[in-house]
PDB file of N, CA and C in Angstrom:
ATOM      1  N   MET A   1      10.293 -61.795  21.248  1.00  0.00           N
ATOM      2  CA  MET A   1       9.011 -61.252  20.840  1.00  0.00           C
ATOM      3  C   MET A   1       9.134 -60.475  19.533  1.00  0.00           C
ATOM      4  N   GLU A   2      10.235 -59.811  19.330  1.00  0.00           N
ATOM      5  CA  GLU A   2      10.446 -59.056  18.088  1.00  0.00           C
ATOM      6  C   GLU A   2      10.478 -59.982  16.870  1.00  0.00           C
ATOM      7  N   VAL A   3      10.982 -61.194  17.061  1.00  0.00           N
ATOM      8  CA  VAL A   3      11.013 -62.163  15.964  1.00  0.00           C
ATOM      9  C   VAL A   3       9.587 -62.490  15.519  1.00  0.00           C
ATOM     10  N   TYR A   4       8.683 -62.714  16.479  1.00  0.00           N
ATOM     11  CA  TYR A   4       7.289 -63.003  16.141  1.00  0.00           C
ATOM     12  C   TYR A   4       6.673 -61.847  15.375  1.00  0.00           C
ATOM     13  N   ARG A   5       6.923 -60.659  15.845  1.00  0.00           N
ATOM     14  CA  ARG A   5       6.353 -59.467  15.207  1.00  0.00           C
ATOM     15  C   ARG A   5       6.841 -59.328  13.772  1.00  0.00           C
ATOM     16  N   SER A   6       8.121 -59.517  13.565  1.00  0.00           N
ATOM     17  CA  SER A   6       8.702 -59.415  12.235  1.00  0.00           C
ATOM     18  C   SER A   6       8.117 -60.474  11.299  1.00  0.00           C
ATOM     19  N   ARG A   7       8.014 -61.715  11.771  1.00  0.00           N
ATOM     20  CA  ARG A   7       7.446 -62.795  10.957  1.00  0.00           C
ATOM     21  C   ARG A   7       5.974 -62.537  10.659  1.00  0.00           C
ATOM     22  N   ALA A   8       5.236 -62.024  11.630  1.00  0.00           N
ATOM     23  CA  ALA A   8       3.810 -61.748  11.430  1.00  0.00           C
ATOM     24  C   ALA A   8       3.619 -60.652  10.388  1.00  0.00           C
ATOM     25  N   PHE A   9       4.408 -59.573  10.476  1.00  0.00           N
ATOM     26  CA  PHE A   9       4.294 -58.496   9.498  1.00  0.00           C
ATOM     27  C   PHE A   9       4.662 -58.976   8.095  1.00  0.00           C
ATOM     28  N   ARG A  10       5.649 -59.830   8.014  1.00  0.00           N
ATOM     29  CA  ARG A  10       6.042 -60.378   6.709  1.00  0.00           C
ATOM     30  C   ARG A  10       4.902 -61.213   6.119  1.00  0.00           C
ATOM     31  N   ALA A  11       4.256 -62.014   6.957  1.00  0.00           N
ATOM     32  CA  ALA A  11       3.142 -62.839   6.495  1.00  0.00           C
ATOM     33  C   ALA A  11       1.959 -61.974   6.062  1.00  0.00           C
ATOM     34  N   ILE A  12       1.701 -60.890   6.773  1.00  0.00           N
ATOM     35  CA  ILE A  12       0.624 -59.968   6.386  1.00  0.00           C
ATOM     36  C   ILE A  12       0.940 -59.336   5.037  1.00  0.00           C
ATOM     37  N   ARG A  13       2.160 -58.917   4.860  1.00  0.00           N
ATOM     38  CA  ARG A  13       2.586 -58.329   3.578  1.00  0.00           C
ATOM     39  C   ARG A  13       2.416 -59.348   2.443  1.00  0.00           C
ATOM     40  N   ASP A  14       2.783 -60.593   2.704  1.00  0.00           N
ATOM     41  CA  ASP A  14       2.623 -61.652   1.703  1.00  0.00           C
ATOM     42  C   ASP A  14       1.144 -61.895   1.396  1.00  0.00           C
ATOM     43  N   ALA A  15       0.305 -61.875   2.418  1.00  0.00           N
ATOM     44  CA  ALA A  15      -1.134 -62.069   2.219  1.00  0.00           C
ATOM     45  C   ALA A  15      -1.713 -60.951   1.355  1.00  0.00           C
ATOM     46  N   GLU A  16      -1.315 -59.724   1.615  1.00  0.00           N
ATOM     47  CA  GLU A  16      -1.789 -58.593   0.804  1.00  0.00           C
ATOM     48  C   GLU A  16      -1.360 -58.733  -0.649  1.00  0.00           C
ATOM     49  N   ARG A  17      -0.138 -59.158  -0.865  1.00  0.00           N
ATOM     50  CA  ARG A  17       0.362 -59.350  -2.227  1.00  0.00           C
ATOM     51  C   ARG A  17      -0.462 -60.401  -2.955  1.00  0.00           C
ATOM     52  N   GLU A  18      -0.737 -61.524  -2.289  1.00  0.00           N
ATOM     53  CA  GLU A  18      -1.491 -62.591  -2.930  1.00  0.00           C
ATOM     54  C   GLU A  18      -2.949 -62.196  -3.162  1.00  0.00           C
ATOM     55  N   LEU A  19      -3.519 -61.386  -2.268  1.00  0.00           N
ATOM     56  CA  LEU A  19      -4.881 -60.897  -2.486  1.00  0.00           C
ATOM     57  C   LEU A  19      -4.920 -60.013  -3.731  1.00  0.00           C
ATOM     58  N   ASN A  20      -3.949 -59.141  -3.876  1.00  0.00           N
ATOM     59  CA  ASN A  20      -3.879 -58.296  -5.075  1.00  0.00           C
ATOM     60  C   ASN A  20      -3.710 -59.141  -6.336  1.00  0.00           C
ATOM     61  N   ASN A  21      -2.901 -60.190  -6.247  1.00  0.00           N
ATOM     62  CA  ASN A  21      -2.742 -61.096  -7.387  1.00  0.00           C
ATOM     63  C   ASN A  21      -4.071 -61.791  -7.719  1.00  0.00           C
ATOM     64  N   ALA A  22      -4.812 -62.195  -6.684  1.00  0.00           N
ATOM     65  CA  ALA A  22      -6.108 -62.854  -6.896  1.00  0.00           C
ATOM     66  C   ALA A  22      -7.086 -61.905  -7.574  1.00  0.00           C
ATOM     67  N   LEU A  23      -7.130 -60.671  -7.120  1.00  0.00           N
ATOM     68  CA  LEU A  23      -8.037 -59.691  -7.715  1.00  0.00           C
ATOM     69  C   LEU A  23      -7.667 -59.407  -9.170  1.00  0.00           C
ATOM     70  N   ARG A  24      -6.380 -59.318  -9.446  1.00  0.00           N
ATOM     71  CA  ARG A  24      -5.919 -59.090 -10.821  1.00  0.00           C
ATOM     72  C   ARG A  24      -6.307 -60.282 -11.701  1.00  0.00           C
ATOM     73  N   SER A  25      -6.084 -61.485 -11.192  1.00  0.00           N
ATOM     74  CA  SER A  25      -6.426 -62.685 -11.958  1.00  0.00           C
ATOM     75  C   SER A  25      -7.928 -62.767 -12.220  1.00  0.00           C
ATOM     76  N   LEU A  26      -8.714 -62.412 -11.228  1.00  0.00           N
ATOM     77  CA  LEU A  26     -10.161 -62.415 -11.402  1.00  0.00           C
ATOM     78  C   LEU A  26     -10.566 -61.432 -12.498  1.00  0.00           C
ATOM     79  N   GLY A  27      -9.963 -60.250 -12.484  1.00  0.00           N
ATOM     80  CA  GLY A  27     -10.243 -59.253 -13.514  1.00  0.00           C
ATOM     81  C   GLY A  27      -9.883 -59.734 -14.908  1.00  0.00           C
ATOM     82  N   GLU A  28      -8.903 -60.611 -14.985  1.00  0.00           N
ATOM     83  CA  GLU A  28      -8.468 -61.186 -16.260  1.00  0.00           C
ATOM     84  C   GLU A  28      -9.228 -62.473 -16.590  1.00  0.00           C
ATOM     85  N   GLU A  29     -10.211 -62.822 -15.759  1.00  0.00           N
ATOM     86  CA  GLU A  29     -10.998 -64.039 -15.896  1.00  0.00           C
ATOM     87  C   GLU A  29     -10.132 -65.302 -15.830  1.00  0.00           C
ATOM     88  N   ASP A  30      -9.043 -65.209 -15.106  1.00  0.00           N
ATOM     89  CA  ASP A  30      -8.178 -66.364 -14.837  1.00  0.00           C
ATOM     90  C   ASP A  30      -8.613 -66.932 -13.491  1.00  0.00           C
ATOM     91  N   TYR A  31      -9.658 -67.749 -13.518  1.00  0.00           N
ATOM     92  CA  TYR A  31     -10.259 -68.223 -12.284  1.00  0.00           C
ATOM     93  C   TYR A  31      -9.368 -69.197 -11.526  1.00  0.00           C
ATOM     94  N   SER A  32      -8.658 -70.031 -12.249  1.00  0.00           N
ATOM     95  CA  SER A  32      -7.733 -70.956 -11.575  1.00  0.00           C
ATOM     96  C   SER A  32      -6.637 -70.180 -10.853  1.00  0.00           C
ATOM     97  N   GLY A  33      -6.102 -69.174 -11.516  1.00  0.00           N
ATOM     98  CA  GLY A  33      -5.069 -68.344 -10.895  1.00  0.00           C
ATOM     99  C   GLY A  33      -5.608 -67.592  -9.691  1.00  0.00           C
ATOM    100  N   ALA A  34      -6.828 -67.061  -9.827  1.00  0.00           N
ATOM    101  CA  ALA A  34      -7.436 -66.321  -8.716  1.00  0.00           C
ATOM    102  C   ALA A  34      -7.613 -67.220  -7.497  1.00  0.00           C
ATOM    103  N   LEU A  35      -8.063 -68.457  -7.720  1.00  0.00           N
ATOM    104  CA  LEU A  35      -8.221 -69.395  -6.600  1.00  0.00           C
ATOM    105  C   LEU A  35      -6.884 -69.722  -5.947  1.00  0.00           C
ATOM    106  N   LYS A  36      -5.876 -69.930  -6.782  1.00  0.00           N
ATOM    107  CA  LYS A  36      -4.539 -70.238  -6.260  1.00  0.00           C
ATOM    108  C   LYS A  36      -4.043 -69.094  -5.368  1.00  0.00           C
ATOM    109  N   TYR A  37      -4.145 -67.869  -5.866  1.00  0.00           N
ATOM    110  CA  TYR A  37      -3.668 -66.722  -5.089  1.00  0.00           C
ATOM    111  C   TYR A  37      -4.518 -66.484  -3.849  1.00  0.00           C
ATOM    112  N   LEU A  38      -5.815 -66.722  -3.964  1.00  0.00           N
ATOM    113  CA  LEU A  38      -6.692 -66.540  -2.813  1.00  0.00           C
ATOM    114  C   LEU A  38      -6.369 -67.542  -1.717  1.00  0.00           C
ATOM    115  N   GLN A  39      -6.083 -68.776  -2.107  1.00  0.00           N
ATOM    116  CA  GLN A  39      -5.694 -69.798  -1.123  1.00  0.00           C
ATOM    117  C   GLN A  39      -4.403 -69.381  -0.433  1.00  0.00           C
ATOM    118  N   GLU A  40      -3.431 -68.904  -1.205  1.00  0.00           N
ATOM    119  CA  GLU A  40      -2.164 -68.482  -0.616  1.00  0.00           C
ATOM    120  C   GLU A  40      -2.366 -67.283   0.305  1.00  0.00           C
ATOM    121  N   CYS A  41      -3.234 -66.359  -0.087  1.00  0.00           N
ATOM    122  CA  CYS A  41      -3.548 -65.202   0.752  1.00  0.00           C
ATOM    123  C   CYS A  41      -4.100 -65.646   2.102  1.00  0.00           C
ATOM    124  N   SER A  42      -5.076 -66.551   2.071  1.00  0.00           N
ATOM    125  CA  SER A  42      -5.684 -66.988   3.330  1.00  0.00           C
ATOM    126  C   SER A  42      -4.683 -67.734   4.199  1.00  0.00           C
ATOM    127  N   GLU A  43      -3.826 -68.519   3.570  1.00  0.00           N
ATOM    128  CA  GLU A  43      -2.808 -69.247   4.336  1.00  0.00           C
ATOM    129  C   GLU A  43      -1.848 -68.284   5.022  1.00  0.00           C
ATOM    130  N   TYR A  44      -1.366 -67.292   4.288  1.00  0.00           N
ATOM    131  CA  TYR A  44      -0.455 -66.303   4.888  1.00  0.00           C
ATOM    132  C   TYR A  44      -1.146 -65.519   6.005  1.00  0.00           C
ATOM    133  N   ALA A  45      -2.419 -65.169   5.799  1.00  0.00           N
ATOM    134  CA  ALA A  45      -3.142 -64.391   6.815  1.00  0.00           C
ATOM    135  C   ALA A  45      -3.296 -65.196   8.106  1.00  0.00           C
ATOM    136  N   VAL A  46      -3.664 -66.465   7.979  1.00  0.00           N
ATOM    137  CA  VAL A  46      -3.813 -67.317   9.167  1.00  0.00           C
ATOM    138  C   VAL A  46      -2.464 -67.498   9.852  1.00  0.00           C
ATOM    139  N   LYS A  47      -1.429 -67.717   9.077  1.00  0.00           N
ATOM    140  CA  LYS A  47      -0.096 -67.877   9.664  1.00  0.00           C
ATOM    141  C   LYS A  47       0.340 -66.599  10.386  1.00  0.00           C
ATOM    142  N   ALA A  48      -0.025 -65.444   9.857  1.00  0.00           N
ATOM    143  CA  ALA A  48       0.316 -64.179  10.515  1.00  0.00           C
ATOM    144  C   ALA A  48      -0.313 -64.110  11.902  1.00  0.00           C
ATOM    145  N   VAL A  49      -1.562 -64.519  12.007  1.00  0.00           N
ATOM    146  CA  VAL A  49      -2.249 -64.515  13.307  1.00  0.00           C
ATOM    147  C   VAL A  49      -1.567 -65.482  14.266  1.00  0.00           C
ATOM    148  N   LEU A  50      -1.289 -66.674  13.781  1.00  0.00           N
ATOM    149  CA  LEU A  50      -0.655 -67.679  14.645  1.00  0.00           C
ATOM    150  C   LEU A  50       0.698 -67.199  15.154  1.00  0.00           C
ATOM    151  N   VAL A  51       1.503 -66.654  14.261  1.00  0.00           N
ATOM    152  CA  VAL A  51       2.837 -66.164  14.652  1.00  0.00           C
ATOM    153  C   VAL A  51       2.718 -64.992  15.611  1.00  0.00           C
ATOM    154  N   ALA A  52       1.773 -64.091  15.359  1.00  0.00           N
ATOM    155  CA  ALA A  52       1.602 -62.920  16.231  1.00  0.00           C
ATOM    156  C   ALA A  52       1.295 -63.324  17.669  1.00  0.00           C
ATOM    157  N   TYR A  53       0.660 -64.493  17.834  1.00  0.00           N
ATOM    158  CA  TYR A  53       0.344 -64.978  19.176  1.00  0.00           C
ATOM    159  C   TYR A  53       1.349 -65.997  19.681  1.00  0.00           C
ATOM    160  N   GLY A  54       2.484 -66.087  18.998  1.00  0.00           N
ATOM    161  CA  GLY A  54       3.563 -66.952  19.465  1.00  0.00           C
ATOM    162  C   GLY A  54       3.325 -68.430  19.241  1.00  0.00           C
ATOM    163  N   LEU A  55       2.421 -68.767  18.349  1.00  0.00           N
ATOM    164  CA  LEU A  55       2.130 -70.168  18.060  1.00  0.00           C
ATOM    165  C   LEU A  55       2.956 -70.607  16.856  1.00  0.00           C
ATOM    166  N   ASP A  56       3.758 -71.605  17.052  1.00  0.00           N
ATOM    167  CA  ASP A  56       4.566 -72.132  15.959  1.00  0.00           C
ATOM    168  C   ASP A  56       3.742 -73.195  15.261  1.00  0.00           C
ATOM    169  N   TYR A  57       3.144 -72.825  14.151  1.00  0.00           N
ATOM    170  CA  TYR A  57       2.248 -73.712  13.422  1.00  0.00           C
ATOM    171  C   TYR A  57       3.020 -74.848  12.757  1.00  0.00           C
ATOM    172  N   PRO A  58       2.332 -75.950  12.493  1.00  0.00           N
ATOM    173  CA  PRO A  58       2.993 -77.056  11.785  1.00  0.00           C
ATOM    174  C   PRO A  58       3.329 -76.626  10.363  1.00  0.00           C
ATOM    175  N   LYS A  59       4.346 -77.199   9.798  1.00  0.00           N
ATOM    176  CA  LYS A  59       4.796 -76.824   8.452  1.00  0.00           C
ATOM    177  C   LYS A  59       3.928 -77.522   7.407  1.00  0.00           C
ATOM    178  N   VAL A  60       2.662 -77.143   7.388  1.00  0.00           N
ATOM    179  CA  VAL A  60       1.696 -77.665   6.432  1.00  0.00           C
ATOM    180  C   VAL A  60       0.900 -76.494   5.870  1.00  0.00           C
ATOM    181  N   HIS A  61       0.199 -76.748   4.782  1.00  0.00           N
ATOM    182  CA  HIS A  61      -0.628 -75.694   4.184  1.00  0.00           C
ATOM    183  C   HIS A  61      -1.981 -75.571   4.873  1.00  0.00           C
ATOM    184  N   GLU A  62      -2.456 -76.646   5.472  1.00  0.00           N
ATOM    185  CA  GLU A  62      -3.778 -76.675   6.107  1.00  0.00           C
ATOM    186  C   GLU A  62      -3.688 -76.117   7.530  1.00  0.00           C
ATOM    187  N   VAL A  63      -3.573 -74.795   7.640  1.00  0.00           N
ATOM    188  CA  VAL A  63      -3.378 -74.166   8.953  1.00  0.00           C
ATOM    189  C   VAL A  63      -4.680 -73.696   9.592  1.00  0.00           C
ATOM    190  N   GLY A  64      -5.779 -73.706   8.842  1.00  0.00           N
ATOM    191  CA  GLY A  64      -7.061 -73.281   9.400  1.00  0.00           C
ATOM    192  C   GLY A  64      -7.476 -74.116  10.598  1.00  0.00           C
ATOM    193  N   ARG A  65      -7.290 -75.418  10.476  1.00  0.00           N
ATOM    194  CA  ARG A  65      -7.628 -76.334  11.575  1.00  0.00           C
ATOM    195  C   ARG A  65      -6.805 -76.005  12.823  1.00  0.00           C
ATOM    196  N   PHE A  66      -5.531 -75.690  12.619  1.00  0.00           N
ATOM    197  CA  PHE A  66      -4.649 -75.356  13.737  1.00  0.00           C
ATOM    198  C   PHE A  66      -5.106 -74.066  14.411  1.00  0.00           C
ATOM    199  N   LEU A  67      -5.584 -73.114  13.618  1.00  0.00           N
ATOM    200  CA  LEU A  67      -6.121 -71.868  14.168  1.00  0.00           C
ATOM    201  C   LEU A  67      -7.307 -72.165  15.080  1.00  0.00           C
ATOM    202  N   VAL A  68      -8.223 -72.996  14.600  1.00  0.00           N
ATOM    203  CA  VAL A  68      -9.414 -73.346  15.373  1.00  0.00           C
ATOM    204  C   VAL A  68      -9.040 -74.101  16.646  1.00  0.00           C
ATOM    205  N   GLU A  69      -8.099 -75.022  16.543  1.00  0.00           N
ATOM    206  CA  GLU A  69      -7.678 -75.806  17.707  1.00  0.00           C
ATOM    207  C   GLU A  69      -7.070 -74.932  18.801  1.00  0.00           C
ATOM    208  N   ASN A  70      -6.547 -73.770  18.437  1.00  0.00           N
ATOM    209  CA  ASN A  70      -5.899 -72.881  19.410  1.00  0.00           C
ATOM    210  C   ASN A  70      -6.712 -71.624  19.684  1.00  0.00           C
ATOM    211  N   ARG A  71      -8.009 -71.659  19.444  1.00  0.00           N
ATOM    212  CA  ARG A  71      -8.857 -70.467  19.594  1.00  0.00           C
ATOM    213  C   ARG A  71      -8.818 -69.881  21.000  1.00  0.00           C
ATOM    214  N   ARG A  72      -8.513 -70.692  22.002  1.00  0.00           N
ATOM    215  CA  ARG A  72      -8.466 -70.197  23.391  1.00  0.00           C
ATOM    216  C   ARG A  72      -7.402 -69.119  23.583  1.00  0.00           C
ATOM    217  N   MET A  73      -6.432 -69.060  22.665  1.00  0.00           N
ATOM    218  CA  MET A  73      -5.326 -68.100  22.772  1.00  0.00           C
ATOM    219  C   MET A  73      -5.727 -66.682  22.366  1.00  0.00           C
ATOM    220  N   PHE A  74      -6.846 -66.549  21.665  1.00  0.00           N
ATOM    221  CA  PHE A  74      -7.189 -65.276  21.047  1.00  0.00           C
ATOM    222  C   PHE A  74      -8.179 -64.475  21.884  1.00  0.00           C
ATOM    223  N   PRO A  75      -8.190 -63.165  21.687  1.00  0.00           N
ATOM    224  CA  PRO A  75      -9.150 -62.321  22.413  1.00  0.00           C
ATOM    225  C   PRO A  75     -10.583 -62.618  21.958  1.00  0.00           C
ATOM    226  N   ALA A  76     -11.538 -62.253  22.793  1.00  0.00           N
ATOM    227  CA  ALA A  76     -12.949 -62.562  22.544  1.00  0.00           C
ATOM    228  C   ALA A  76     -13.431 -62.045  21.191  1.00  0.00           C
ATOM    229  N   TRP A  77     -13.020 -60.839  20.801  1.00  0.00           N
ATOM    230  CA  TRP A  77     -13.502 -60.266  19.537  1.00  0.00           C
ATOM    231  C   TRP A  77     -13.075 -61.112  18.338  1.00  0.00           C
ATOM    232  N   PHE A  78     -11.969 -61.836  18.476  1.00  0.00           N
ATOM    233  CA  PHE A  78     -11.474 -62.647  17.369  1.00  0.00           C
ATOM    234  C   PHE A  78     -12.009 -64.079  17.445  1.00  0.00           C
ATOM    235  N   LYS A  79     -12.225 -64.574  18.656  1.00  0.00           N
ATOM    236  CA  LYS A  79     -12.712 -65.951  18.831  1.00  0.00           C
ATOM    237  C   LYS A  79     -14.006 -66.200  18.074  1.00  0.00           C
ATOM    238  N   SER A  80     -14.863 -65.185  18.009  1.00  0.00           N
ATOM    239  CA  SER A  80     -16.148 -65.365  17.338  1.00  0.00           C
ATOM    240  C   SER A  80     -15.990 -65.589  15.835  1.00  0.00           C
ATOM    241  N   ARG A  81     -14.839 -65.271  15.280  1.00  0.00           N
ATOM    242  CA  ARG A  81     -14.609 -65.428  13.841  1.00  0.00           C
ATOM    243  C   ARG A  81     -13.663 -66.577  13.495  1.00  0.00           C
ATOM    244  N   VAL A  82     -13.033 -67.134  14.485  1.00  0.00           N
ATOM    245  CA  VAL A  82     -11.993 -68.142  14.249  1.00  0.00           C
ATOM    246  C   VAL A  82     -12.516 -69.340  13.463  1.00  0.00           C
ATOM    247  N   GLU A  83     -13.682 -69.838  13.828  1.00  0.00           N
ATOM    248  CA  GLU A  83     -14.236 -71.019  13.142  1.00  0.00           C
ATOM    249  C   GLU A  83     -14.425 -70.744  11.651  1.00  0.00           C
ATOM    250  N   ALA A  84     -15.050 -69.626  11.319  1.00  0.00           N
ATOM    251  CA  ALA A  84     -15.306 -69.288   9.908  1.00  0.00           C
ATOM    252  C   ALA A  84     -13.998 -69.062   9.149  1.00  0.00           C
ATOM    253  N   ILE A  85     -13.050 -68.404   9.776  1.00  0.00           N
ATOM    254  CA  ILE A  85     -11.771 -68.138   9.124  1.00  0.00           C
ATOM    255  C   ILE A  85     -11.027 -69.442   8.858  1.00  0.00           C
ATOM    256  N   GLY A  86     -10.964 -70.296   9.861  1.00  0.00           N
ATOM    257  CA  GLY A  86     -10.274 -71.570   9.699  1.00  0.00           C
ATOM    258  C   GLY A  86     -10.909 -72.442   8.632  1.00  0.00           C
ATOM    259  N   GLU A  87     -12.238 -72.515   8.643  1.00  0.00           N
ATOM    260  CA  GLU A  87     -12.946 -73.321   7.646  1.00  0.00           C
ATOM    261  C   GLU A  87     -12.736 -72.776   6.238  1.00  0.00           C
ATOM    262  N   THR A  88     -12.805 -71.451   6.094  1.00  0.00           N
ATOM    263  CA  THR A  88     -12.622 -70.836   4.777  1.00  0.00           C
ATOM    264  C   THR A  88     -11.226 -71.087   4.245  1.00  0.00           C
ATOM    265  N   ALA A  89     -10.221 -70.927   5.099  1.00  0.00           N
ATOM    266  CA  ALA A  89      -8.834 -71.138   4.668  1.00  0.00           C
ATOM    267  C   ALA A  89      -8.626 -72.580   4.213  1.00  0.00           C
ATOM    268  N   ASP A  90      -9.129 -73.538   4.974  1.00  0.00           N
ATOM    269  CA  ASP A  90      -8.948 -74.940   4.613  1.00  0.00           C
ATOM    270  C   ASP A  90      -9.814 -75.336   3.414  1.00  0.00           C
ATOM    271  N   MET A  91     -10.993 -74.711   3.278  1.00  0.00           N
ATOM    272  CA  MET A  91     -11.838 -74.975   2.117  1.00  0.00           C
ATOM    273  C   MET A  91     -11.133 -74.510   0.838  1.00  0.00           C
ATOM    274  N   LEU A  92     -10.524 -73.343   0.881  1.00  0.00           N
ATOM    275  CA  LEU A  92      -9.801 -72.844  -0.292  1.00  0.00           C
ATOM    276  C   LEU A  92      -8.668 -73.781  -0.668  1.00  0.00           C
ATOM    277  N   LEU A  93      -7.999 -74.323   0.327  1.00  0.00           N
ATOM    278  CA  LEU A  93      -6.928 -75.277   0.053  1.00  0.00           C
ATOM    279  C   LEU A  93      -7.498 -76.519  -0.633  1.00  0.00           C
ATOM    280  N   GLY A  94      -8.623 -77.001  -0.144  1.00  0.00           N
ATOM    281  CA  GLY A  94      -9.252 -78.174  -0.739  1.00  0.00           C
ATOM    282  C   GLY A  94      -9.675 -77.945  -2.174  1.00  0.00           C
ATOM    283  N   ILE A  95     -10.211 -76.766  -2.457  1.00  0.00           N
ATOM    284  CA  ILE A  95     -10.609 -76.439  -3.828  1.00  0.00           C
ATOM    285  C   ILE A  95      -9.381 -76.388  -4.719  1.00  0.00           C
ATOM    286  N   GLY A  96      -8.337 -75.768  -4.230  1.00  0.00           N
ATOM    287  CA  GLY A  96      -7.119 -75.640  -5.024  1.00  0.00           C
ATOM    288  C   GLY A  96      -6.478 -76.975  -5.332  1.00  0.00           C
ATOM    289  N   GLN A  97      -6.603 -77.928  -4.440  1.00  0.00           N
ATOM    290  CA  GLN A  97      -5.992 -79.234  -4.651  1.00  0.00           C
ATOM    291  C   GLN A  97      -6.898 -80.182  -5.425  1.00  0.00           C
ATOM    292  N   GLY A  98      -8.201 -79.885  -5.460  1.00  0.00           N
ATOM    293  CA  GLY A  98      -9.148 -80.774  -6.112  1.00  0.00           C
ATOM    294  C   GLY A  98      -9.324 -80.467  -7.584  1.00  0.00           C
ATOM    295  N   SER A  99     -10.225 -81.188  -8.172  1.00  0.00           N
ATOM    296  CA  SER A  99     -10.455 -81.037  -9.605  1.00  0.00           C
ATOM    297  C   SER A  99     -11.174 -79.739  -9.929  1.00  0.00           C
ATOM    298  N   ALA A 100     -11.785 -79.092  -8.944  1.00  0.00           N
ATOM    299  CA  ALA A 100     -12.528 -77.865  -9.210  1.00  0.00           C
ATOM    300  C   ALA A 100     -11.644 -76.776  -9.795  1.00  0.00           C
ATOM    301  N   ILE A 101     -10.384 -76.789  -9.473  1.00  0.00           N
ATOM    302  CA  ILE A 101      -9.511 -75.741  -9.995  1.00  0.00           C
ATOM    303  C   ILE A 101      -9.339 -75.861 -11.508  1.00  0.00           C
ATOM    304  N   ARG A 102      -9.570 -77.056 -12.045  1.00  0.00           N
ATOM    305  CA  ARG A 102      -9.436 -77.242 -13.485  1.00  0.00           C
ATOM    306  C   ARG A 102     -10.722 -76.877 -14.222  1.00  0.00           C
ATOM    307  N   MET A 103     -11.796 -76.667 -13.492  1.00  0.00           N
ATOM    308  CA  MET A 103     -13.070 -76.317 -14.114  1.00  0.00           C
ATOM    309  C   MET A 103     -13.116 -74.825 -14.371  1.00  0.00           C
ATOM    310  N   ASN A 104     -14.003 -74.412 -15.254  1.00  0.00           N
ATOM    311  CA  ASN A 104     -14.235 -72.992 -15.484  1.00  0.00           C
ATOM    312  C   ASN A 104     -15.127 -72.520 -14.346  1.00  0.00           C
ATOM    313  N   MET A 105     -14.516 -71.879 -13.333  1.00  0.00           N
ATOM    314  CA  MET A 105     -15.240 -71.521 -12.118  1.00  0.00           C
ATOM    315  C   MET A 105     -16.267 -70.428 -12.381  1.00  0.00           C
ATOM    316  N   ASN A 106     -17.387 -70.552 -11.724  1.00  0.00           N
ATOM    317  CA  ASN A 106     -18.438 -69.564 -11.798  1.00  0.00           C
ATOM    318  C   ASN A 106     -17.960 -68.272 -11.139  1.00  0.00           C
ATOM    319  N   ARG A 107     -18.074 -67.159 -11.858  1.00  0.00           N
ATOM    320  CA  ARG A 107     -17.598 -65.863 -11.354  1.00  0.00           C
ATOM    321  C   ARG A 107     -18.245 -65.492 -10.025  1.00  0.00           C
ATOM    322  N   ARG A 108     -19.530 -65.773  -9.863  1.00  0.00           N
ATOM    323  CA  ARG A 108     -20.236 -65.427  -8.627  1.00  0.00           C
ATOM    324  C   ARG A 108     -19.647 -66.180  -7.432  1.00  0.00           C
ATOM    325  N   ILE A 109     -19.351 -67.456  -7.612  1.00  0.00           N
ATOM    326  CA  ILE A 109     -18.776 -68.262  -6.533  1.00  0.00           C
ATOM    327  C   ILE A 109     -17.401 -67.725  -6.154  1.00  0.00           C
ATOM    328  N   LEU A 110     -16.584 -67.413  -7.157  1.00  0.00           N
ATOM    329  CA  LEU A 110     -15.248 -66.914  -6.876  1.00  0.00           C
ATOM    330  C   LEU A 110     -15.295 -65.566  -6.169  1.00  0.00           C
ATOM    331  N   ARG A 111     -16.185 -64.687  -6.593  1.00  0.00           N
ATOM    332  CA  ARG A 111     -16.314 -63.382  -5.915  1.00  0.00           C
ATOM    333  C   ARG A 111     -16.737 -63.574  -4.459  1.00  0.00           C
ATOM    334  N   SER A 112     -17.616 -64.545  -4.214  1.00  0.00           N
ATOM    335  CA  SER A 112     -18.035 -64.834  -2.837  1.00  0.00           C
ATOM    336  C   SER A 112     -16.837 -65.302  -2.000  1.00  0.00           C
ATOM    337  N   LEU A 113     -15.989 -66.157  -2.578  1.00  0.00           N
ATOM    338  CA  LEU A 113     -14.799 -66.622  -1.876  1.00  0.00           C
ATOM    339  C   LEU A 113     -13.846 -65.463  -1.593  1.00  0.00           C
ATOM    340  N   LEU A 114     -13.716 -64.540  -2.539  1.00  0.00           N
ATOM    341  CA  LEU A 114     -12.862 -63.372  -2.319  1.00  0.00           C
ATOM    342  C   LEU A 114     -13.392 -62.519  -1.166  1.00  0.00           C
ATOM    343  N   ARG A 115     -14.708 -62.343  -1.103  1.00  0.00           N
ATOM    344  CA  ARG A 115     -15.273 -61.562   0.013  1.00  0.00           C
ATOM    345  C   ARG A 115     -14.980 -62.246   1.340  1.00  0.00           C
ATOM    346  N   LYS A 116     -15.121 -63.579   1.377  1.00  0.00           N
ATOM    347  CA  LYS A 116     -14.831 -64.306   2.619  1.00  0.00           C
ATOM    348  C   LYS A 116     -13.359 -64.174   2.987  1.00  0.00           C
ATOM    349  N   SER A 117     -12.500 -64.240   1.998  1.00  0.00           N
ATOM    350  CA  SER A 117     -11.063 -64.126   2.263  1.00  0.00           C
ATOM    351  C   SER A 117     -10.722 -62.747   2.804  1.00  0.00           C
ATOM    352  N   ASN A 118     -11.395 -61.718   2.333  1.00  0.00           N
ATOM    353  CA  ASN A 118     -11.146 -60.371   2.827  1.00  0.00           C
ATOM    354  C   ASN A 118     -11.445 -60.245   4.315  1.00  0.00           C
ATOM    355  N   GLN A 119     -12.306 -61.125   4.834  1.00  0.00           N
ATOM    356  CA  GLN A 119     -12.625 -61.106   6.259  1.00  0.00           C
ATOM    357  C   GLN A 119     -11.496 -61.662   7.095  1.00  0.00           C
ATOM    358  N   LEU A 120     -10.574 -62.388   6.460  1.00  0.00           N
ATOM    359  CA  LEU A 120      -9.429 -62.933   7.182  1.00  0.00           C
ATOM    360  C   LEU A 120      -8.593 -61.784   7.666  1.00  0.00           C
TER     361      LEU A 120
END
């Protein structure tokens, strides 16, 4: 059990670091960088939850779906948010892998994504 706790705390620390990187990039108007860091933040945050509950997630970046598939494992207060969290995490991955990351992203859209990521 201590191994899970240690891995979960490490993932939370990594998520916080990437969120700070995303905010810094946004402040510098580096929208592609902000999206990249935001995607990594959400991935680490979801992985932290999965590890904390003893779920060994698949070694893929698209972990939001896995979170949703295992929602029965979580307490009621968290279950109500699992769908939105999983969808947001996987949506960020899709944006990062698609052509949208090469576009000059609208600041309002990116700020909205950052707010959603903060809910993770």
